[in-house]
């Protein structure tokens, strides 16, 4: 998967929050910006937060990889 866009680093606090969600294995709702302008929402667990080249990504349990500068919001879902 190649993405030629320049990566825009995210805030360290946001990165730390994503890493915490990954460590805690909690369900999250991730809203992602798409090229079409219509956001897409994923509900899953974050299995990893990592760097590839000059960009940072998160990987969901289902295998989807998302560039962190495309993430609009992430919220933990309550256990119900």
C-alpha atoms as a PDB file:
ATOM      1  CA  UNK A   1       0.000   0.000   0.000  1.00  0.00           C
ATOM      2  CA  UNK A   2       1.672   3.171  -1.185  1.00  0.00           C
ATOM      3  CA  UNK A   3       0.618   6.676  -0.204  1.00  0.00           C
ATOM      4  CA  UNK A   4       2.496   9.545  -1.817  1.00  0.00           C
ATOM      5  CA  UNK A   5       0.916  12.258   0.356  1.00  0.00           C
ATOM      6  CA  UNK A   6       3.190  14.075   2.784  1.00  0.00           C
ATOM      7  CA  UNK A   7       2.615  12.836   6.343  1.00  0.00           C
ATOM      8  CA  UNK A   8       1.467  15.448   8.856  1.00  0.00           C
ATOM      9  CA  UNK A   9       2.598  14.353  12.342  1.00  0.00           C
ATOM     10  CA  UNK A  10      -0.075  14.090  15.023  1.00  0.00           C
ATOM     11  CA  UNK A  11       0.164  15.357  18.595  1.00  0.00           C
ATOM     12  CA  UNK A  12       2.196  13.183  20.955  1.00  0.00           C
ATOM     13  CA  UNK A  13      -0.734  13.023  23.400  1.00  0.00           C
ATOM     14  CA  UNK A  14      -2.962  11.602  20.657  1.00  0.00           C
ATOM     15  CA  UNK A  15      -0.343   8.991  19.751  1.00  0.00           C
ATOM     16  CA  UNK A  16      -0.046   8.033  23.429  1.00  0.00           C
ATOM     17  CA  UNK A  17      -3.837   7.679  23.706  1.00  0.00           C
ATOM     18  CA  UNK A  18      -3.928   5.358  20.678  1.00  0.00           C
ATOM     19  CA  UNK A  19      -1.091   3.263  22.125  1.00  0.00           C
ATOM     20  CA  UNK A  20      -3.000   3.035  25.424  1.00  0.00           C
ATOM     21  CA  UNK A  21      -6.142   1.830  23.609  1.00  0.00           C
ATOM     22  CA  UNK A  22      -3.977  -0.803  21.937  1.00  0.00           C
ATOM     23  CA  UNK A  23      -2.447  -1.974  25.232  1.00  0.00           C
ATOM     24  CA  UNK A  24      -5.824  -2.060  27.003  1.00  0.00           C
ATOM     25  CA  UNK A  25      -7.421  -4.013  24.111  1.00  0.00           C
ATOM     26  CA  UNK A  26     -10.615  -1.984  24.396  1.00  0.00           C
ATOM     27  CA  UNK A  27     -13.182  -1.603  21.617  1.00  0.00           C
ATOM     28  CA  UNK A  28     -12.957   1.772  19.904  1.00  0.00           C
ATOM     29  CA  UNK A  29     -14.788   3.682  17.217  1.00  0.00           C
ATOM     30  CA  UNK A  30     -12.353   5.222  14.733  1.00  0.00           C
ATOM     31  CA  UNK A  31     -13.568   7.890  12.321  1.00  0.00           C
ATOM     32  CA  UNK A  32     -11.308   8.239   9.293  1.00  0.00           C
ATOM     33  CA  UNK A  33     -11.067  10.946   6.613  1.00  0.00           C
ATOM     34  CA  UNK A  34     -11.361   9.542   3.086  1.00  0.00           C
ATOM     35  CA  UNK A  35     -10.419  11.011  -0.297  1.00  0.00           C
ATOM     36  CA  UNK A  36     -14.120  11.268  -1.145  1.00  0.00           C
ATOM     37  CA  UNK A  37     -14.668  13.675   1.749  1.00  0.00           C
ATOM     38  CA  UNK A  38     -17.126  11.287   3.380  1.00  0.00           C
ATOM     39  CA  UNK A  39     -15.787   9.977   6.707  1.00  0.00           C
ATOM     40  CA  UNK A  40     -15.735   6.222   7.337  1.00  0.00           C
ATOM     41  CA  UNK A  41     -16.177   4.679  10.767  1.00  0.00           C
ATOM     42  CA  UNK A  42     -14.599   1.449  12.003  1.00  0.00           C
ATOM     43  CA  UNK A  43     -15.487  -0.343  15.242  1.00  0.00           C
ATOM     44  CA  UNK A  44     -12.711  -2.691  16.345  1.00  0.00           C
ATOM     45  CA  UNK A  45      -9.720  -3.058  18.640  1.00  0.00           C
ATOM     46  CA  UNK A  46      -6.382  -1.412  17.846  1.00  0.00           C
ATOM     47  CA  UNK A  47      -3.810  -4.186  17.594  1.00  0.00           C
ATOM     48  CA  UNK A  48      -0.770  -1.995  16.911  1.00  0.00           C
ATOM     49  CA  UNK A  49       0.461   1.577  16.504  1.00  0.00           C
ATOM     50  CA  UNK A  50       3.600   1.720  14.380  1.00  0.00           C
ATOM     51  CA  UNK A  51       5.793   3.677  11.964  1.00  0.00           C
ATOM     52  CA  UNK A  52       6.419   2.748   8.342  1.00  0.00           C
ATOM     53  CA  UNK A  53       8.805   5.002   6.468  1.00  0.00           C
ATOM     54  CA  UNK A  54       8.026   8.540   7.584  1.00  0.00           C
ATOM     55  CA  UNK A  55       4.340   7.946   8.451  1.00  0.00           C
ATOM     56  CA  UNK A  56       2.628   6.562  11.550  1.00  0.00           C
ATOM     57  CA  UNK A  57      -0.222   4.053  11.381  1.00  0.00           C
ATOM     58  CA  UNK A  58      -2.602   2.071  13.507  1.00  0.00           C
ATOM     59  CA  UNK A  59      -3.660  -1.475  12.695  1.00  0.00           C
ATOM     60  CA  UNK A  60      -7.072  -2.789  13.659  1.00  0.00           C
ATOM     61  CA  UNK A  61      -7.628  -6.420  14.677  1.00  0.00           C
ATOM     62  CA  UNK A  62      -9.393  -7.005  11.339  1.00  0.00           C
ATOM     63  CA  UNK A  63      -6.114  -6.041   9.587  1.00  0.00           C
ATOM     64  CA  UNK A  64      -7.087  -2.569   8.344  1.00  0.00           C
ATOM     65  CA  UNK A  65      -4.161  -0.112   8.499  1.00  0.00           C
ATOM     66  CA  UNK A  66      -4.950   3.590   8.905  1.00  0.00           C
ATOM     67  CA  UNK A  67      -2.529   6.510   8.628  1.00  0.00           C
ATOM     68  CA  UNK A  68      -2.727   8.519  11.823  1.00  0.00           C
ATOM     69  CA  UNK A  69      -3.040  11.831   9.990  1.00  0.00           C
ATOM     70  CA  UNK A  70      -6.276  10.503   8.425  1.00  0.00           C
ATOM     71  CA  UNK A  71      -7.865   9.816  11.826  1.00  0.00           C
ATOM     72  CA  UNK A  72     -10.586  12.344  12.634  1.00  0.00           C
ATOM     73  CA  UNK A  73     -11.534  10.917  16.033  1.00  0.00           C
ATOM     74  CA  UNK A  74     -11.209   7.837  18.230  1.00  0.00           C
ATOM     75  CA  UNK A  75     -13.403   7.058  21.191  1.00  0.00           C
ATOM     76  CA  UNK A  76     -13.511   4.139  23.543  1.00  0.00           C
ATOM     77  CA  UNK A  77     -16.767   2.215  23.519  1.00  0.00           C
ATOM     78  CA  UNK A  78     -18.235   1.346  26.901  1.00  0.00           C
ATOM     79  CA  UNK A  79     -18.519  -2.302  27.923  1.00  0.00           C
ATOM     80  CA  UNK A  80     -22.193  -3.114  27.695  1.00  0.00           C
END
